[in-house]
N, C-alpha and C. Protein backbone atom coordinates (compact mmCIF):
# COMPACT_ATOMS: atom_id res chain seq x y z
N UNK A 1 17.83 0.35 -33.30
CA UNK A 1 18.16 0.18 -31.52
C UNK A 1 16.79 0.58 -30.73
N UNK A 2 16.82 1.36 -30.79
CA UNK A 2 15.15 1.97 -29.83
C UNK A 2 13.90 0.80 -30.36
N UNK A 3 14.12 0.41 -32.10
CA UNK A 3 12.81 -0.15 -32.28
C UNK A 3 13.20 -1.40 -32.30
N UNK A 4 14.65 -1.47 -32.07
CA UNK A 4 14.62 -3.32 -31.83
C UNK A 4 14.27 -4.04 -30.49
N UNK A 5 14.76 -2.56 -29.50
CA UNK A 5 13.59 -3.16 -27.99
C UNK A 5 12.67 -2.96 -28.12
N UNK A 6 12.42 -1.99 -28.14
CA UNK A 6 10.48 -2.25 -28.47
C UNK A 6 9.59 -2.91 -28.88
N UNK A 7 10.42 -3.41 -30.30
CA UNK A 7 9.92 -4.49 -30.51
C UNK A 7 10.25 -6.19 -29.45
N UNK A 8 11.03 -6.27 -28.79
CA UNK A 8 11.10 -7.20 -27.92
C UNK A 8 12.27 -8.04 -28.85
N UNK A 9 12.78 -7.58 -30.32
CA UNK A 9 14.26 -8.28 -30.60
C UNK A 9 15.84 -7.94 -30.66
N UNK A 10 15.71 -7.89 -29.03
CA UNK A 10 17.12 -7.83 -29.02
C UNK A 10 18.31 -8.77 -29.74
N UNK A 11 19.15 -8.72 -30.11
CA UNK A 11 19.95 -9.24 -30.37
C UNK A 11 20.86 -10.23 -30.02
N UNK A 12 21.73 -11.65 -29.90
CA UNK A 12 22.17 -11.92 -29.16
C UNK A 12 22.81 -11.46 -29.43
N UNK A 13 24.17 -10.78 -30.18
CA UNK A 13 25.76 -10.54 -29.81
C UNK A 13 25.69 -8.78 -30.57
N UNK A 14 25.98 -8.03 -30.11
CA UNK A 14 26.25 -6.49 -30.95
C UNK A 14 27.88 -7.21 -31.00
N UNK A 15 28.21 -5.43 -31.92
CA UNK A 15 30.06 -5.65 -32.35
C UNK A 15 30.12 -3.63 -32.36
N UNK A 16 31.29 -3.72 -31.62
CA UNK A 16 31.63 -2.18 -31.70
C UNK A 16 33.16 -2.14 -32.40
N UNK A 17 33.69 -0.58 -33.40
CA UNK A 17 34.54 -0.85 -33.64
C UNK A 17 35.25 0.17 -32.87
N UNK A 18 35.04 0.72 -31.91
CA UNK A 18 36.49 0.41 -30.92
C UNK A 18 35.67 -0.32 -29.51
N UNK A 19 36.14 0.26 -28.10
CA UNK A 19 35.76 -0.22 -26.76
C UNK A 19 34.79 1.22 -26.57
N UNK A 20 35.84 2.89 -26.98
CA UNK A 20 34.86 3.40 -26.29
C UNK A 20 32.76 3.91 -26.78
N UNK A 21 33.24 3.18 -28.12
CA UNK A 21 32.07 2.98 -28.92
C UNK A 21 31.07 2.02 -28.01
N UNK A 22 31.46 1.58 -27.85
CA UNK A 22 31.15 0.02 -27.36
C UNK A 22 30.14 0.46 -25.20
N UNK A 23 31.67 0.79 -24.92
CA UNK A 23 31.04 1.75 -24.16
C UNK A 23 29.89 2.91 -23.98
N UNK A 24 29.89 3.57 -24.53
CA UNK A 24 28.53 4.53 -25.11
C UNK A 24 27.16 2.84 -25.10
N UNK A 25 27.56 2.62 -25.94
CA UNK A 25 26.49 1.38 -26.21
C UNK A 25 26.20 1.48 -25.25
N UNK A 26 26.85 0.45 -24.99
CA UNK A 26 26.47 0.24 -22.59
C UNK A 26 25.19 1.33 -21.99
N UNK A 27 25.95 2.45 -22.52
CA UNK A 27 24.88 3.40 -21.15
C UNK A 27 24.06 3.78 -22.23
N UNK A 28 23.99 3.66 -23.56
CA UNK A 28 22.47 3.84 -24.38
C UNK A 28 21.27 2.53 -24.15
N UNK A 29 22.37 1.62 -23.85
CA UNK A 29 20.90 0.75 -23.73
C UNK A 29 20.73 0.36 -22.39
N UNK A 30 21.20 0.96 -21.86
CA UNK A 30 20.50 1.08 -19.87
C UNK A 30 19.69 1.55 -19.56
N UNK A 31 19.74 3.31 -20.12
CA UNK A 31 18.99 4.02 -20.83
C UNK A 31 17.79 3.52 -21.10
N UNK A 32 17.80 2.93 -22.51
CA UNK A 32 16.33 2.63 -23.31
C UNK A 32 15.72 1.65 -22.48
N UNK A 33 16.53 0.60 -22.48
CA UNK A 33 16.18 -0.55 -21.11
C UNK A 33 16.75 -0.90 -19.87
N UNK A 34 16.45 -0.63 -19.43
CA UNK A 34 17.45 -1.27 -18.32
C UNK A 34 17.37 -3.16 -17.97
N UNK A 35 16.50 -3.52 -18.39
CA UNK A 35 16.42 -5.18 -18.95
C UNK A 35 16.65 -5.31 -19.63
N UNK A 36 17.25 -5.40 -20.80
CA UNK A 36 17.54 -5.92 -21.92
C UNK A 36 17.77 -7.30 -22.35
N UNK A 37 18.21 -7.85 -20.62
CA UNK A 37 18.96 -9.39 -20.88
C UNK A 37 20.64 -9.40 -21.03
N UNK A 38 20.57 -10.06 -21.71
CA UNK A 38 21.67 -10.68 -22.32
C UNK A 38 22.21 -11.13 -23.68
N UNK A 39 23.21 -10.13 -23.76
CA UNK A 39 24.18 -10.36 -24.75
C UNK A 39 25.82 -10.00 -24.72
N UNK A 40 26.18 -10.38 -26.08
CA UNK A 40 26.79 -10.45 -26.40
C UNK A 40 28.18 -9.27 -26.56
N UNK A 41 29.30 -9.04 -26.65
CA UNK A 41 29.62 -7.64 -26.83
C UNK A 41 31.13 -7.80 -27.43
N UNK A 42 31.75 -7.17 -28.68
CA UNK A 42 32.92 -8.03 -28.67
C UNK A 42 33.62 -5.81 -29.58
N UNK A 43 33.98 -5.79 -29.30
CA UNK A 43 35.41 -4.25 -29.53
C UNK A 43 36.53 -4.97 -30.25
N UNK A 44 37.20 -3.91 -30.09
CA UNK A 44 38.83 -3.14 -30.57
C UNK A 44 39.14 -2.30 -29.46
N UNK A 45 40.32 -2.55 -28.39
CA UNK A 45 41.13 -1.55 -28.53
C UNK A 45 42.25 -2.28 -26.55
N UNK A 46 41.15 -3.28 -25.91
CA UNK A 46 41.42 -3.75 -25.04
C UNK A 46 42.25 -3.19 -23.70
N UNK A 47 41.19 -1.62 -23.78
CA UNK A 47 40.66 -0.67 -22.08
C UNK A 47 40.86 -1.94 -21.24
N UNK A 48 41.14 -1.38 -19.77
CA UNK A 48 40.76 -1.73 -19.41
C UNK A 48 39.68 -2.40 -18.47
N UNK A 49 39.12 -0.66 -18.61
CA UNK A 49 37.65 -0.98 -18.17
C UNK A 49 36.38 -2.04 -18.10
N UNK A 50 37.51 -2.70 -19.82
CA UNK A 50 36.10 -3.78 -20.34
C UNK A 50 36.20 -4.70 -19.11
N UNK A 51 37.28 -5.47 -18.35
CA UNK A 51 37.35 -6.57 -17.49
C UNK A 51 36.13 -6.08 -16.15
N UNK A 52 35.38 -4.63 -16.64
CA UNK A 52 34.75 -4.80 -15.36
C UNK A 52 32.37 -4.37 -15.99
N UNK A 53 32.60 -4.61 -17.09
CA UNK A 53 31.59 -4.38 -18.14
C UNK A 53 30.64 -5.75 -17.20
N UNK A 54 29.21 -4.81 -17.67
CA UNK A 54 28.29 -6.13 -17.62
C UNK A 54 26.95 -5.85 -18.80
N UNK A 55 26.77 -6.94 -19.14
CA UNK A 55 27.74 -7.62 -19.87
C UNK A 55 28.89 -8.23 -20.26
N UNK A 56 29.79 -8.98 -20.05
CA UNK A 56 30.95 -8.83 -20.37
C UNK A 56 31.91 -8.35 -21.52
N UNK A 57 32.19 -7.96 -22.18
CA UNK A 57 32.88 -6.87 -23.50
C UNK A 57 34.03 -7.81 -24.32
N UNK A 58 34.04 -8.54 -24.67
CA UNK A 58 35.07 -8.67 -25.24
C UNK A 58 35.89 -7.81 -25.86
N UNK A 59 37.56 -8.03 -26.23
CA UNK A 59 37.91 -6.86 -26.29
C UNK A 59 39.10 -7.50 -27.37
N UNK A 60 39.52 -6.95 -28.04
CA UNK A 60 41.01 -7.25 -29.12
C UNK A 60 41.45 -6.35 -28.98
N UNK A 61 43.27 -6.54 -28.25
CA UNK A 61 44.30 -6.04 -28.90
C UNK A 61 45.41 -5.66 -30.06
N UNK A 62 44.68 -3.91 -30.38
CA UNK A 62 45.57 -3.87 -32.10
C UNK A 62 46.35 -3.49 -31.61
N UNK A 63 47.63 -4.40 -32.23
CA UNK A 63 49.25 -3.39 -32.36
C UNK A 63 49.10 -2.37 -34.21
N UNK A 64 48.49 -1.41 -33.71
CA UNK A 64 48.29 -0.74 -34.73
C UNK A 64 49.57 -0.07 -35.63
N UNK A 65 51.22 -0.41 -34.04
CA UNK A 65 52.62 -0.70 -35.35
C UNK A 65 52.88 -1.01 -36.07
N UNK A 66 52.75 -2.03 -35.63
CA UNK A 66 53.06 -3.60 -36.47
C UNK A 66 52.16 -3.91 -37.63
N UNK A 67 50.58 -3.32 -37.13
CA UNK A 67 49.97 -3.07 -38.20
C UNK A 67 50.63 -1.91 -39.54
N UNK A 68 50.82 -0.71 -39.17
CA UNK A 68 51.01 -0.01 -39.90
C UNK A 68 53.19 0.14 -40.50
N UNK A 69 53.52 -0.65 -40.06
CA UNK A 69 55.02 -1.14 -40.47
C UNK A 69 54.54 -2.10 -41.67
N UNK A 70 53.59 -3.27 -40.59
CA UNK A 70 53.46 -3.81 -42.39
C UNK A 70 52.98 -3.18 -43.59
N UNK A 71 51.83 -2.45 -43.32
CA UNK A 71 51.51 -1.30 -44.14
C UNK A 71 52.73 -1.16 -45.20
N UNK A 72 53.25 -0.04 -44.57
CA UNK A 72 54.40 0.67 -45.15
C UNK A 72 55.34 -0.33 -45.67
N UNK A 73 55.38 -1.05 -45.12
CA UNK A 73 56.71 -2.15 -46.28
C UNK A 73 55.57 -3.00 -47.56
N UNK A 74 54.70 -3.02 -47.27
CA UNK A 74 54.21 -4.28 -48.76
C UNK A 74 53.46 -2.52 -49.45
N UNK A 75 54.01 -2.30 -49.22
CA UNK A 75 52.69 -0.16 -50.64
C UNK A 75 54.59 -0.04 -51.07
N UNK A 76 55.12 -0.13 -50.16
CA UNK A 76 57.03 0.00 -50.59
C UNK A 76 57.13 -1.42 -51.29
N UNK A 77 57.52 -2.05 -51.32
CA UNK A 77 57.41 -3.25 -52.20
C UNK A 77 57.17 -3.34 -53.69
N UNK A 78 56.22 -2.90 -53.93
CA UNK A 78 55.84 -3.18 -54.81
C UNK A 78 56.01 -1.77 -56.05
């Protein structure tokens, strides 16, 4: 990421595996270059903090219990 910023190649969109990882990335980008520009950001977990982040964080609620139940039932049906 440091090299991309120093080369002036900030991506248009970034993805993180979780909201906590996205929050950390926001902090690091702000420290590296407070004027990195606008970019889209997406992640999973749907934490409340995401609503207050700039640039906005698109976050997806994952229903882990349903995923677990589905995975278990598909494994037990084989």
